[in-house]
């Protein structure tokens, strides 16, 4: 049946060339398209003062995610489409066929502010396939430790919800979560309900502002909250400062293989201060822009009015790859220089070193 449908679709494409018949289906219902995957916003919910959950109904071609994975969302703003990645916060295989993403409005964040403040029910958003390796193994871990902070709770919430949906009873789980105040805990009410109703789930909230003392991660905190942490597999997600501290702690204990982290931003190397400023020419667009030597080339291009293809903005998906025409760029994660014409440049994690020309 699938082959017959595909053959009929190919026949229709012959009559709609240079477009595909899917482009015309999009005019009737954007969720019917085959050339691009879209989702309809069917619900919005404000979790905290600066965090909103969007319930999305994916269109044709969507495949279910694994708890902990993320998706790319396309966001049209002022005639330009921006792409960002967000963790899926819902369990797989919801009975209504929907997924949720939970967005924290970042101060000065063009896309996060738009999604958290302006997107409404009935809007359609381009949607990518689920991706990412921050997932639980296929066999249930005996007793995981989750360490999260801020919006880093979102992929772990998908894991917790997935456990409940599949097994009803949670396994032995310890969960350390950091937030500025109690009211800032995303999914706070649901987490407290889990703790009250699930005998094997232990939630340890830490409030980093106004609570007195230092509530940021420490070895002493870990020992008190989870004395058997050395025997547990750990999944951690949150700001870079927390993840850096966790990686250092588990490395000192010789247990780095037990720690799985998910970063929302790429880990960057120190950038040399001298001699980096220059001029970047985007050869295809014939647009030139000044570079300070530390701002990534994707942001330089966007500030110059361009809208290059991109995805994760942290060097994972390679959706922003382009070619170096001339000059030199630096990989901001490693400090490595790229200076051979024709070399591939990930513009989201590279900055110009002096003058450079790119095939954008």
C-alpha atoms as a PDB file:
ATOM      1  CA  UNK A   1       0.000   0.000   0.000  1.00  0.00           C
ATOM      2  CA  UNK A   2       2.841   2.387   0.845  1.00  0.00           C
ATOM      3  CA  UNK A   3       4.511   1.781  -2.527  1.00  0.00           C
ATOM      4  CA  UNK A   4       1.219   2.455  -4.354  1.00  0.00           C
ATOM      5  CA  UNK A   5       0.781   5.713  -2.427  1.00  0.00           C
ATOM      6  CA  UNK A   6       4.362   6.751  -3.198  1.00  0.00           C
ATOM      7  CA  UNK A   7       3.889   5.950  -6.874  1.00  0.00           C
ATOM      8  CA  UNK A   8       0.700   7.990  -7.051  1.00  0.00           C
ATOM      9  CA  UNK A   9       2.483  10.872  -5.336  1.00  0.00           C
ATOM     10  CA  UNK A  10       5.318  10.715  -7.883  1.00  0.00           C
ATOM     11  CA  UNK A  11       2.736  10.811 -10.704  1.00  0.00           C
ATOM     12  CA  UNK A  12       1.112  13.909  -9.206  1.00  0.00           C
ATOM     13  CA  UNK A  13       4.521  15.564  -8.923  1.00  0.00           C
ATOM     14  CA  UNK A  14       4.889  15.333 -12.702  1.00  0.00           C
ATOM     15  CA  UNK A  15       1.868  17.645 -13.090  1.00  0.00           C
ATOM     16  CA  UNK A  16       2.879  20.100 -10.356  1.00  0.00           C
ATOM     17  CA  UNK A  17       6.530  20.574 -11.411  1.00  0.00           C
ATOM     18  CA  UNK A  18       8.608  22.574 -10.431  1.00  0.00           C
ATOM     19  CA  UNK A  19       6.708  22.252  -7.142  1.00  0.00           C
ATOM     20  CA  UNK A  20       5.525  19.002  -5.592  1.00  0.00           C
ATOM     21  CA  UNK A  21       1.928  18.092  -4.907  1.00  0.00           C
ATOM     22  CA  UNK A  22       2.841  18.325  -1.225  1.00  0.00           C
ATOM     23  CA  UNK A  23       3.189  22.113  -1.624  1.00  0.00           C
ATOM     24  CA  UNK A  24      -0.483  22.311  -2.627  1.00  0.00           C
ATOM     25  CA  UNK A  25      -1.562  20.050   0.226  1.00  0.00           C
ATOM     26  CA  UNK A  26       0.161  22.535   2.511  1.00  0.00           C
ATOM     27  CA  UNK A  27      -2.330  25.189   1.420  1.00  0.00           C
ATOM     28  CA  UNK A  28      -5.186  22.953   2.608  1.00  0.00           C
ATOM     29  CA  UNK A  29      -3.562  21.595   5.785  1.00  0.00           C
ATOM     30  CA  UNK A  30       0.125  22.217   6.643  1.00  0.00           C
ATOM     31  CA  UNK A  31       0.206  18.930   8.587  1.00  0.00           C
ATOM     32  CA  UNK A  32      -0.363  16.948   5.359  1.00  0.00           C
ATOM     33  CA  UNK A  33       2.897  18.065   3.750  1.00  0.00           C
ATOM     34  CA  UNK A  34       5.606  15.584   2.806  1.00  0.00           C
ATOM     35  CA  UNK A  35       8.364  17.974   1.710  1.00  0.00           C
ATOM     36  CA  UNK A  36       8.636  19.543   5.167  1.00  0.00           C
ATOM     37  CA  UNK A  37       7.493  18.421   8.596  1.00  0.00           C
ATOM     38  CA  UNK A  38       5.337  20.886  10.508  1.00  0.00           C
ATOM     39  CA  UNK A  39       3.507  20.942  13.822  1.00  0.00           C
ATOM     40  CA  UNK A  40       0.400  22.802  14.935  1.00  0.00           C
ATOM     41  CA  UNK A  41       0.378  24.524  18.305  1.00  0.00           C
ATOM     42  CA  UNK A  42      -2.657  23.064  20.089  1.00  0.00           C
ATOM     43  CA  UNK A  43      -1.970  24.271  23.629  1.00  0.00           C
ATOM     44  CA  UNK A  44       0.116  26.726  25.644  1.00  0.00           C
ATOM     45  CA  UNK A  45       0.762  26.609  29.373  1.00  0.00           C
ATOM     46  CA  UNK A  46       2.801  28.980  31.532  1.00  0.00           C
ATOM     47  CA  UNK A  47       4.852  26.814  33.888  1.00  0.00           C
ATOM     48  CA  UNK A  48       6.612  29.710  35.641  1.00  0.00           C
ATOM     49  CA  UNK A  49       6.798  33.480  35.180  1.00  0.00           C
ATOM     50  CA  UNK A  50       9.351  33.075  32.361  1.00  0.00           C
ATOM     51  CA  UNK A  51       8.697  29.537  31.086  1.00  0.00           C
ATOM     52  CA  UNK A  52       6.009  28.281  28.727  1.00  0.00           C
ATOM     53  CA  UNK A  53       5.138  24.800  27.493  1.00  0.00           C
ATOM     54  CA  UNK A  54       3.876  24.427  23.929  1.00  0.00           C
ATOM     55  CA  UNK A  55       1.808  21.367  23.038  1.00  0.00           C
ATOM     56  CA  UNK A  56       2.477  20.479  19.400  1.00  0.00           C
ATOM     57  CA  UNK A  57       0.642  18.136  17.057  1.00  0.00           C
ATOM     58  CA  UNK A  58       3.235  16.899  14.523  1.00  0.00           C
ATOM     59  CA  UNK A  59       2.216  16.346  10.933  1.00  0.00           C
ATOM     60  CA  UNK A  60       2.672  13.456   8.568  1.00  0.00           C
ATOM     61  CA  UNK A  61       6.052  11.749   8.795  1.00  0.00           C
ATOM     62  CA  UNK A  62       6.688  12.286  12.498  1.00  0.00           C
ATOM     63  CA  UNK A  63       8.347   9.407  14.345  1.00  0.00           C
ATOM     64  CA  UNK A  64       8.223   9.006  18.111  1.00  0.00           C
ATOM     65  CA  UNK A  65      11.139  10.205  20.225  1.00  0.00           C
ATOM     66  CA  UNK A  66      13.151   8.590  22.987  1.00  0.00           C
ATOM     67  CA  UNK A  67      12.934  10.332  26.382  1.00  0.00           C
ATOM     68  CA  UNK A  68      15.714  12.919  26.599  1.00  0.00           C
ATOM     69  CA  UNK A  69      15.915  13.752  22.889  1.00  0.00           C
ATOM     70  CA  UNK A  70      15.480  17.200  21.332  1.00  0.00           C
ATOM     71  CA  UNK A  71      13.928  18.654  18.174  1.00  0.00           C
ATOM     72  CA  UNK A  72      14.635  21.632  15.958  1.00  0.00           C
ATOM     73  CA  UNK A  73      11.885  24.227  15.829  1.00  0.00           C
ATOM     74  CA  UNK A  74      11.635  26.705  12.988  1.00  0.00           C
ATOM     75  CA  UNK A  75      10.417  30.102  14.136  1.00  0.00           C
ATOM     76  CA  UNK A  76       9.335  32.766  11.603  1.00  0.00           C
ATOM     77  CA  UNK A  77      10.115  36.244  12.991  1.00  0.00           C
ATOM     78  CA  UNK A  78       9.785  39.415  10.888  1.00  0.00           C
ATOM     79  CA  UNK A  79       9.941  37.499   7.620  1.00  0.00           C
ATOM     80  CA  UNK A  80      13.011  35.445   8.572  1.00  0.00           C
ATOM     81  CA  UNK A  81      13.015  31.850   9.776  1.00  0.00           C
ATOM     82  CA  UNK A  82      15.204  31.092  12.763  1.00  0.00           C
ATOM     83  CA  UNK A  83      15.924  27.587  14.010  1.00  0.00           C
ATOM     84  CA  UNK A  84      16.560  26.512  17.591  1.00  0.00           C
ATOM     85  CA  UNK A  85      16.720  23.162  19.358  1.00  0.00           C
ATOM     86  CA  UNK A  86      14.572  22.327  22.380  1.00  0.00           C
ATOM     87  CA  UNK A  87      14.296  19.197  24.481  1.00  0.00           C
ATOM     88  CA  UNK A  88      11.013  17.327  24.263  1.00  0.00           C
ATOM     89  CA  UNK A  89       9.453  17.397  27.729  1.00  0.00           C
ATOM     90  CA  UNK A  90       6.635  14.887  27.128  1.00  0.00           C
ATOM     91  CA  UNK A  91       6.666  11.109  27.279  1.00  0.00           C
ATOM     92  CA  UNK A  92       6.771   9.161  24.000  1.00  0.00           C
ATOM     93  CA  UNK A  93       3.603   7.648  22.588  1.00  0.00           C
ATOM     94  CA  UNK A  94       1.112  10.026  24.152  1.00  0.00           C
ATOM     95  CA  UNK A  95      -2.424   8.892  23.450  1.00  0.00           C
ATOM     96  CA  UNK A  96      -3.244  12.191  21.713  1.00  0.00           C
ATOM     97  CA  UNK A  97      -0.249  11.964  19.364  1.00  0.00           C
ATOM     98  CA  UNK A  98       1.173  15.283  20.609  1.00  0.00           C
ATOM     99  CA  UNK A  99       4.518  16.299  22.050  1.00  0.00           C
ATOM    100  CA  UNK A 100       5.477  19.182  24.316  1.00  0.00           C
ATOM    101  CA  UNK A 101       8.478  21.501  24.364  1.00  0.00           C
ATOM    102  CA  UNK A 102       9.126  23.784  27.308  1.00  0.00           C
ATOM    103  CA  UNK A 103      10.848  27.113  26.606  1.00  0.00           C
ATOM    104  CA  UNK A 104      12.458  29.465  29.068  1.00  0.00           C
ATOM    105  CA  UNK A 105      12.374  33.092  27.890  1.00  0.00           C
ATOM    106  CA  UNK A 106      16.009  34.201  27.968  1.00  0.00           C
ATOM    107  CA  UNK A 107      16.686  37.894  28.453  1.00  0.00           C
ATOM    108  CA  UNK A 108      17.655  39.259  25.042  1.00  0.00           C
ATOM    109  CA  UNK A 109      16.845  35.928  23.380  1.00  0.00           C
ATOM    110  CA  UNK A 110      15.106  36.750  20.127  1.00  0.00           C
ATOM    111  CA  UNK A 111      13.663  33.272  19.529  1.00  0.00           C
ATOM    112  CA  UNK A 112      12.996  32.142  23.104  1.00  0.00           C
ATOM    113  CA  UNK A 113      11.143  35.388  23.843  1.00  0.00           C
ATOM    114  CA  UNK A 114       9.015  34.930  20.726  1.00  0.00           C
ATOM    115  CA  UNK A 115       8.136  31.310  21.543  1.00  0.00           C
ATOM    116  CA  UNK A 116       7.425  31.997  25.195  1.00  0.00           C
ATOM    117  CA  UNK A 117       5.463  35.213  24.669  1.00  0.00           C
ATOM    118  CA  UNK A 118       3.970  35.468  21.187  1.00  0.00           C
ATOM    119  CA  UNK A 119       3.275  31.998  19.780  1.00  0.00           C
ATOM    120  CA  UNK A 120      -0.416  31.108  20.108  1.00  0.00           C
ATOM    121  CA  UNK A 121      -2.745  28.170  19.593  1.00  0.00           C
ATOM    122  CA  UNK A 122      -3.312  27.591  15.882  1.00  0.00           C
ATOM    123  CA  UNK A 123       0.173  28.618  14.770  1.00  0.00           C
ATOM    124  CA  UNK A 124       2.226  26.222  12.639  1.00  0.00           C
ATOM    125  CA  UNK A 125       5.954  25.703  13.237  1.00  0.00           C
ATOM    126  CA  UNK A 126       8.480  23.796  11.093  1.00  0.00           C
ATOM    127  CA  UNK A 127       9.620  20.775  13.088  1.00  0.00           C
ATOM    128  CA  UNK A 128      12.690  18.547  12.847  1.00  0.00           C
ATOM    129  CA  UNK A 129      13.046  14.862  13.634  1.00  0.00           C
ATOM    130  CA  UNK A 130      13.962  13.881  17.224  1.00  0.00           C
ATOM    131  CA  UNK A 131      17.716  13.743  17.797  1.00  0.00           C
ATOM    132  CA  UNK A 132      20.233  13.357  20.600  1.00  0.00           C
ATOM    133  CA  UNK A 133      22.068  10.737  22.647  1.00  0.00           C
ATOM    134  CA  UNK A 134      21.063  12.012  26.112  1.00  0.00           C
ATOM    135  CA  UNK A 135      18.772   9.040  26.620  1.00  0.00           C
ATOM    136  CA  UNK A 136      18.267   6.170  29.035  1.00  0.00           C
ATOM    137  CA  UNK A 137      19.449   2.711  27.980  1.00  0.00           C
ATOM    138  CA  UNK A 138      16.880   0.342  26.555  1.00  0.00           C
ATOM    139  CA  UNK A 139      16.999  -1.719  29.730  1.00  0.00           C
ATOM    140  CA  UNK A 140      15.754   0.170  32.778  1.00  0.00           C
ATOM    141  CA  UNK A 141      18.601   1.459  34.991  1.00  0.00           C
ATOM    142  CA  UNK A 142      18.365   0.030  38.492  1.00  0.00           C
ATOM    143  CA  UNK A 143      18.714   3.379  40.289  1.00  0.00           C
ATOM    144  CA  UNK A 144      19.538   6.511  38.270  1.00  0.00           C
ATOM    145  CA  UNK A 145      20.603   9.852  39.713  1.00  0.00           C
ATOM    146  CA  UNK A 146      19.279  12.955  37.949  1.00  0.00           C
ATOM    147  CA  UNK A 147      20.983  16.316  38.518  1.00  0.00           C
ATOM    148  CA  UNK A 148      19.252  19.257  36.842  1.00  0.00           C
ATOM    149  CA  UNK A 149      19.037  23.024  37.055  1.00  0.00           C
ATOM    150  CA  UNK A 150      16.673  25.570  35.524  1.00  0.00           C
ATOM    151  CA  UNK A 151      15.346  24.488  32.139  1.00  0.00           C
ATOM    152  CA  UNK A 152      17.728  21.521  32.271  1.00  0.00           C
ATOM    153  CA  UNK A 153      14.801  19.705  33.862  1.00  0.00           C
ATOM    154  CA  UNK A 154      13.065  19.371  30.471  1.00  0.00           C
ATOM    155  CA  UNK A 155      14.770  16.246  29.040  1.00  0.00           C
ATOM    156  CA  UNK A 156      14.705  14.560  32.455  1.00  0.00           C
ATOM    157  CA  UNK A 157      10.978  15.343  32.759  1.00  0.00           C
ATOM    158  CA  UNK A 158      10.462  13.385  29.555  1.00  0.00           C
ATOM    159  CA  UNK A 159      12.312  10.472  31.165  1.00  0.00           C
ATOM    160  CA  UNK A 160      10.231  10.621  34.346  1.00  0.00           C
ATOM    161  CA  UNK A 161       6.977  10.859  32.400  1.00  0.00           C
ATOM    162  CA  UNK A 162       8.098   8.012  30.169  1.00  0.00           C
ATOM    163  CA  UNK A 163       8.774   5.832  33.202  1.00  0.00           C
ATOM    164  CA  UNK A 164       5.324   6.558  34.609  1.00  0.00           C
ATOM    165  CA  UNK A 165       3.576   5.924  31.297  1.00  0.00           C
ATOM    166  CA  UNK A 166       5.371   2.624  30.651  1.00  0.00           C
ATOM    167  CA  UNK A 167       5.792   1.162  34.133  1.00  0.00           C
ATOM    168  CA  UNK A 168       3.448   3.215  36.372  1.00  0.00           C
ATOM    169  CA  UNK A 169       5.818   2.723  39.319  1.00  0.00           C
ATOM    170  CA  UNK A 170       9.132   4.607  39.209  1.00  0.00           C
ATOM    171  CA  UNK A 171      12.353   2.745  40.017  1.00  0.00           C
ATOM    172  CA  UNK A 172      14.740   3.912  42.739  1.00  0.00           C
ATOM    173  CA  UNK A 173      15.536   7.475  41.585  1.00  0.00           C
ATOM    174  CA  UNK A 174      17.385  10.278  43.330  1.00  0.00           C
ATOM    175  CA  UNK A 175      16.865  13.727  41.810  1.00  0.00           C
ATOM    176  CA  UNK A 176      18.794  16.881  42.728  1.00  0.00           C
ATOM    177  CA  UNK A 177      17.318  20.007  41.171  1.00  0.00           C
ATOM    178  CA  UNK A 178      18.560  23.611  41.371  1.00  0.00           C
ATOM    179  CA  UNK A 179      16.480  26.764  40.869  1.00  0.00           C
ATOM    180  CA  UNK A 180      16.695  30.366  42.112  1.00  0.00           C
ATOM    181  CA  UNK A 181      13.488  30.101  44.185  1.00  0.00           C
ATOM    182  CA  UNK A 182      10.734  27.555  44.784  1.00  0.00           C
ATOM    183  CA  UNK A 183       8.410  29.375  42.365  1.00  0.00           C
ATOM    184  CA  UNK A 184      11.048  29.079  39.628  1.00  0.00           C
ATOM    185  CA  UNK A 185      10.994  25.274  39.599  1.00  0.00           C
ATOM    186  CA  UNK A 186       9.671  24.222  36.196  1.00  0.00           C
ATOM    187  CA  UNK A 187       7.128  21.391  36.607  1.00  0.00           C
ATOM    188  CA  UNK A 188       7.318  22.037  40.361  1.00  0.00           C
ATOM    189  CA  UNK A 189       3.799  20.834  41.165  1.00  0.00           C
ATOM    190  CA  UNK A 190       4.221  17.683  39.090  1.00  0.00           C
ATOM    191  CA  UNK A 191       7.564  16.872  40.702  1.00  0.00           C
ATOM    192  CA  UNK A 192       6.084  17.250  44.182  1.00  0.00           C
ATOM    193  CA  UNK A 193       3.167  15.026  43.179  1.00  0.00           C
ATOM    194  CA  UNK A 194       5.616  12.383  41.957  1.00  0.00           C
ATOM    195  CA  UNK A 195       7.510  12.552  45.221  1.00  0.00           C
ATOM    196  CA  UNK A 196       4.305  12.170  47.235  1.00  0.00           C
ATOM    197  CA  UNK A 197       2.914   9.324  45.142  1.00  0.00           C
ATOM    198  CA  UNK A 198       6.017   7.386  44.130  1.00  0.00           C
ATOM    199  CA  UNK A 199       7.767   5.696  47.095  1.00  0.00           C
ATOM    200  CA  UNK A 200      11.063   5.190  45.227  1.00  0.00           C
ATOM    201  CA  UNK A 201      11.448   8.758  43.878  1.00  0.00           C
ATOM    202  CA  UNK A 202      13.340  11.218  46.081  1.00  0.00           C
ATOM    203  CA  UNK A 203      13.426  14.873  45.101  1.00  0.00           C
ATOM    204  CA  UNK A 204      16.081  17.161  46.601  1.00  0.00           C
ATOM    205  CA  UNK A 205      15.418  20.814  45.625  1.00  0.00           C
ATOM    206  CA  UNK A 206      18.108  23.450  46.148  1.00  0.00           C
ATOM    207  CA  UNK A 207      17.359  27.171  45.914  1.00  0.00           C
ATOM    208  CA  UNK A 208      20.341  29.253  44.881  1.00  0.00           C
ATOM    209  CA  UNK A 209      18.998  32.696  45.818  1.00  0.00           C
ATOM    210  CA  UNK A 210      17.610  33.935  49.102  1.00  0.00           C
ATOM    211  CA  UNK A 211      17.920  30.606  50.867  1.00  0.00           C
ATOM    212  CA  UNK A 212      20.917  31.458  53.014  1.00  0.00           C
ATOM    213  CA  UNK A 213      24.306  29.841  52.543  1.00  0.00           C
ATOM    214  CA  UNK A 214      25.727  28.436  49.310  1.00  0.00           C
ATOM    215  CA  UNK A 215      23.113  26.282  47.606  1.00  0.00           C
ATOM    216  CA  UNK A 216      25.196  25.577  44.488  1.00  0.00           C
ATOM    217  CA  UNK A 217      26.507  22.088  43.854  1.00  0.00           C
ATOM    218  CA  UNK A 218      29.132  20.735  46.235  1.00  0.00           C
ATOM    219  CA  UNK A 219      30.556  17.353  47.219  1.00  0.00           C
ATOM    220  CA  UNK A 220      28.990  17.702  50.666  1.00  0.00           C
ATOM    221  CA  UNK A 221      25.555  18.315  49.144  1.00  0.00           C
ATOM    222  CA  UNK A 222      25.919  15.231  46.976  1.00  0.00           C
ATOM    223  CA  UNK A 223      26.910  13.002  49.900  1.00  0.00           C
ATOM    224  CA  UNK A 224      23.932  14.170  51.973  1.00  0.00           C
ATOM    225  CA  UNK A 225      21.361  13.912  49.188  1.00  0.00           C
ATOM    226  CA  UNK A 226      22.621  10.704  47.599  1.00  0.00           C
ATOM    227  CA  UNK A 227      25.159   8.779  49.691  1.00  0.00           C
ATOM    228  CA  UNK A 228      25.337   5.959  47.124  1.00  0.00           C
ATOM    229  CA  UNK A 229      26.090   8.254  44.173  1.00  0.00           C
ATOM    230  CA  UNK A 230      29.188   6.217  43.265  1.00  0.00           C
ATOM    231  CA  UNK A 231      26.967   3.244  42.382  1.00  0.00           C
ATOM    232  CA  UNK A 232      24.501   5.189  40.228  1.00  0.00           C
ATOM    233  CA  UNK A 233      24.385   6.138  36.567  1.00  0.00           C
ATOM    234  CA  UNK A 234      23.955   9.914  36.374  1.00  0.00           C
ATOM    235  CA  UNK A 235      22.101  12.098  33.868  1.00  0.00           C
ATOM    236  CA  UNK A 236      22.737  15.827  34.271  1.00  0.00           C
ATOM    237  CA  UNK A 237      21.475  18.865  32.381  1.00  0.00           C
ATOM    238  CA  UNK A 238      21.716  22.555  33.204  1.00  0.00           C
ATOM    239  CA  UNK A 239      23.970  25.599  32.893  1.00  0.00           C
ATOM    240  CA  UNK A 240      27.633  25.217  31.998  1.00  0.00           C
ATOM    241  CA  UNK A 241      28.866  26.078  35.499  1.00  0.00           C
ATOM    242  CA  UNK A 242      26.947  23.153  37.017  1.00  0.00           C
ATOM    243  CA  UNK A 243      28.007  20.678  34.338  1.00  0.00           C
ATOM    244  CA  UNK A 244      31.652  21.756  34.599  1.00  0.00           C
ATOM    245  CA  UNK A 245      31.530  21.169  38.364  1.00  0.00           C
ATOM    246  CA  UNK A 246      29.933  17.741  37.918  1.00  0.00           C
ATOM    247  CA  UNK A 247      32.438  16.657  35.288  1.00  0.00           C
ATOM    248  CA  UNK A 248      35.319  17.693  37.522  1.00  0.00           C
ATOM    249  CA  UNK A 249      33.846  15.896  40.557  1.00  0.00           C
ATOM    250  CA  UNK A 250      33.160  12.627  38.717  1.00  0.00           C
ATOM    251  CA  UNK A 251      36.613  12.784  37.066  1.00  0.00           C
ATOM    252  CA  UNK A 252      38.309  13.088  40.458  1.00  0.00           C
ATOM    253  CA  UNK A 253      36.364  10.040  41.587  1.00  0.00           C
ATOM    254  CA  UNK A 254      37.434   8.122  38.462  1.00  0.00           C
ATOM    255  CA  UNK A 255      33.789   7.647  37.492  1.00  0.00           C
ATOM    256  CA  UNK A 256      33.449   9.844  34.403  1.00  0.00           C
ATOM    257  CA  UNK A 257      31.938   6.978  32.385  1.00  0.00           C
ATOM    258  CA  UNK A 258      28.918   6.974  34.717  1.00  0.00           C
ATOM    259  CA  UNK A 259      28.126  10.662  34.037  1.00  0.00           C
ATOM    260  CA  UNK A 260      25.973  11.633  31.034  1.00  0.00           C
ATOM    261  CA  UNK A 261      25.553  15.364  30.392  1.00  0.00           C
ATOM    262  CA  UNK A 262      23.409  17.432  28.026  1.00  0.00           C
ATOM    263  CA  UNK A 263      24.599  20.964  27.277  1.00  0.00           C
ATOM    264  CA  UNK A 264      22.378  23.673  25.829  1.00  0.00           C
ATOM    265  CA  UNK A 265      25.468  25.588  24.664  1.00  0.00           C
ATOM    266  CA  UNK A 266      28.761  24.355  23.290  1.00  0.00           C
ATOM    267  CA  UNK A 267      31.694  24.276  25.695  1.00  0.00           C
ATOM    268  CA  UNK A 268      34.099  26.907  24.371  1.00  0.00           C
ATOM    269  CA  UNK A 269      37.844  27.283  24.685  1.00  0.00           C
ATOM    270  CA  UNK A 270      39.491  30.566  25.698  1.00  0.00           C
ATOM    271  CA  UNK A 271      39.753  32.989  22.775  1.00  0.00           C
ATOM    272  CA  UNK A 272      43.019  34.909  22.250  1.00  0.00           C
ATOM    273  CA  UNK A 273      42.422  38.627  22.641  1.00  0.00           C
ATOM    274  CA  UNK A 274      45.023  40.022  20.263  1.00  0.00           C
ATOM    275  CA  UNK A 275      44.905  40.323  16.506  1.00  0.00           C
ATOM    276  CA  UNK A 276      41.542  38.654  15.918  1.00  0.00           C
ATOM    277  CA  UNK A 277      39.395  41.514  14.612  1.00  0.00           C
ATOM    278  CA  UNK A 278      38.735  41.690  10.913  1.00  0.00           C
ATOM    279  CA  UNK A 279      36.282  41.781   8.042  1.00  0.00           C
ATOM    280  CA  UNK A 280      34.135  38.822   6.961  1.00  0.00           C
ATOM    281  CA  UNK A 281      32.880  38.611   3.391  1.00  0.00           C
ATOM    282  CA  UNK A 282      29.907  36.340   2.734  1.00  0.00           C
ATOM    283  CA  UNK A 283      30.753  35.669  -0.890  1.00  0.00           C
ATOM    284  CA  UNK A 284      27.456  34.277  -2.223  1.00  0.00           C
ATOM    285  CA  UNK A 285      25.412  37.079  -0.663  1.00  0.00           C
ATOM    286  CA  UNK A 286      28.047  39.742  -1.361  1.00  0.00           C
ATOM    287  CA  UNK A 287      27.623  41.084   2.165  1.00  0.00           C
ATOM    288  CA  UNK A 288      30.560  42.162   4.329  1.00  0.00           C
ATOM    289  CA  UNK A 289      30.552  42.568   8.112  1.00  0.00           C
ATOM    290  CA  UNK A 290      33.006  43.421  10.854  1.00  0.00           C
ATOM    291  CA  UNK A 291      34.090  40.679  13.249  1.00  0.00           C
ATOM    292  CA  UNK A 292      35.473  41.071  16.759  1.00  0.00           C
ATOM    293  CA  UNK A 293      37.180  37.683  16.577  1.00  0.00           C
ATOM    294  CA  UNK A 294      35.079  36.106  19.329  1.00  0.00           C
ATOM    295  CA  UNK A 295      31.467  36.285  18.077  1.00  0.00           C
ATOM    296  CA  UNK A 296      30.471  33.184  16.119  1.00  0.00           C
ATOM    297  CA  UNK A 297      30.086  33.621  12.372  1.00  0.00           C
ATOM    298  CA  UNK A 298      26.419  32.636  12.410  1.00  0.00           C
ATOM    299  CA  UNK A 299      25.619  35.571  14.671  1.00  0.00           C
ATOM    300  CA  UNK A 300      27.825  37.881  12.570  1.00  0.00           C
ATOM    301  CA  UNK A 301      25.856  36.842   9.469  1.00  0.00           C
ATOM    302  CA  UNK A 302      22.480  37.305  11.178  1.00  0.00           C
ATOM    303  CA  UNK A 303      23.452  40.728  12.508  1.00  0.00           C
ATOM    304  CA  UNK A 304      24.371  41.660   8.923  1.00  0.00           C
ATOM    305  CA  UNK A 305      20.828  40.780   7.788  1.00  0.00           C
ATOM    306  CA  UNK A 306      21.493  37.282   6.435  1.00  0.00           C
ATOM    307  CA  UNK A 307      19.560  34.144   7.367  1.00  0.00           C
ATOM    308  CA  UNK A 308      21.914  31.178   6.882  1.00  0.00           C
ATOM    309  CA  UNK A 309      20.670  27.629   7.298  1.00  0.00           C
ATOM    310  CA  UNK A 310      21.348  26.390  10.814  1.00  0.00           C
ATOM    311  CA  UNK A 311      20.053  24.073  13.493  1.00  0.00           C
ATOM    312  CA  UNK A 312      21.413  23.400  16.959  1.00  0.00           C
ATOM    313  CA  UNK A 313      23.716  26.468  17.198  1.00  0.00           C
ATOM    314  CA  UNK A 314      26.228  24.432  19.212  1.00  0.00           C
ATOM    315  CA  UNK A 315      28.169  22.389  16.661  1.00  0.00           C
ATOM    316  CA  UNK A 316      26.224  19.142  16.825  1.00  0.00           C
ATOM    317  CA  UNK A 317      23.900  18.931  13.829  1.00  0.00           C
ATOM    318  CA  UNK A 318      26.116  20.431  11.068  1.00  0.00           C
ATOM    319  CA  UNK A 319      23.083  22.234   9.656  1.00  0.00           C
ATOM    320  CA  UNK A 320      25.134  25.430   9.274  1.00  0.00           C
ATOM    321  CA  UNK A 321      28.167  23.952   7.488  1.00  0.00           C
ATOM    322  CA  UNK A 322      29.682  26.041   4.715  1.00  0.00           C
ATOM    323  CA  UNK A 323      33.028  26.297   2.921  1.00  0.00           C
ATOM    324  CA  UNK A 324      35.959  28.573   3.654  1.00  0.00           C
ATOM    325  CA  UNK A 325      36.890  30.577   0.549  1.00  0.00           C
ATOM    326  CA  UNK A 326      39.907  32.350   2.012  1.00  0.00           C
ATOM    327  CA  UNK A 327      41.348  33.577   5.278  1.00  0.00           C
ATOM    328  CA  UNK A 328      41.261  31.865   8.640  1.00  0.00           C
ATOM    329  CA  UNK A 329      38.652  30.967  11.274  1.00  0.00           C
ATOM    330  CA  UNK A 330      38.938  29.463  14.753  1.00  0.00           C
ATOM    331  CA  UNK A 331      36.821  26.656  16.203  1.00  0.00           C
ATOM    332  CA  UNK A 332      35.591  28.240  19.438  1.00  0.00           C
ATOM    333  CA  UNK A 333      35.278  24.858  21.158  1.00  0.00           C
ATOM    334  CA  UNK A 334      38.862  23.703  20.655  1.00  0.00           C
ATOM    335  CA  UNK A 335      40.834  26.745  19.535  1.00  0.00           C
ATOM    336  CA  UNK A 336      41.877  24.899  16.359  1.00  0.00           C
ATOM    337  CA  UNK A 337      42.490  27.051  13.278  1.00  0.00           C
ATOM    338  CA  UNK A 338      40.837  26.340   9.920  1.00  0.00           C
ATOM    339  CA  UNK A 339      42.709  28.065   7.076  1.00  0.00           C
ATOM    340  CA  UNK A 340      42.666  25.794   4.017  1.00  0.00           C
ATOM    341  CA  UNK A 341      40.377  27.061   1.213  1.00  0.00           C
ATOM    342  CA  UNK A 342      37.555  24.551   0.730  1.00  0.00           C
ATOM    343  CA  UNK A 343      37.597  23.363   4.346  1.00  0.00           C
ATOM    344  CA  UNK A 344      34.232  22.941   6.056  1.00  0.00           C
ATOM    345  CA  UNK A 345      33.309  25.604   8.611  1.00  0.00           C
ATOM    346  CA  UNK A 346      30.562  25.214  11.227  1.00  0.00           C
ATOM    347  CA  UNK A 347      29.616  28.865  11.444  1.00  0.00           C
ATOM    348  CA  UNK A 348      27.736  28.482  14.740  1.00  0.00           C
ATOM    349  CA  UNK A 349      30.927  27.525  16.617  1.00  0.00           C
ATOM    350  CA  UNK A 350      33.611  29.311  14.608  1.00  0.00           C
ATOM    351  CA  UNK A 351      34.852  32.914  14.653  1.00  0.00           C
ATOM    352  CA  UNK A 352      36.966  34.784  12.133  1.00  0.00           C
ATOM    353  CA  UNK A 353      40.664  35.316  12.778  1.00  0.00           C
ATOM    354  CA  UNK A 354      41.338  38.567  10.966  1.00  0.00           C
ATOM    355  CA  UNK A 355      39.801  38.782   7.471  1.00  0.00           C
ATOM    356  CA  UNK A 356      37.907  35.767   6.123  1.00  0.00           C
ATOM    357  CA  UNK A 357      35.628  34.884   3.211  1.00  0.00           C
ATOM    358  CA  UNK A 358      32.885  32.258   3.396  1.00  0.00           C
ATOM    359  CA  UNK A 359      30.646  30.659   0.757  1.00  0.00           C
ATOM    360  CA  UNK A 360      27.429  32.032   2.245  1.00  0.00           C
END
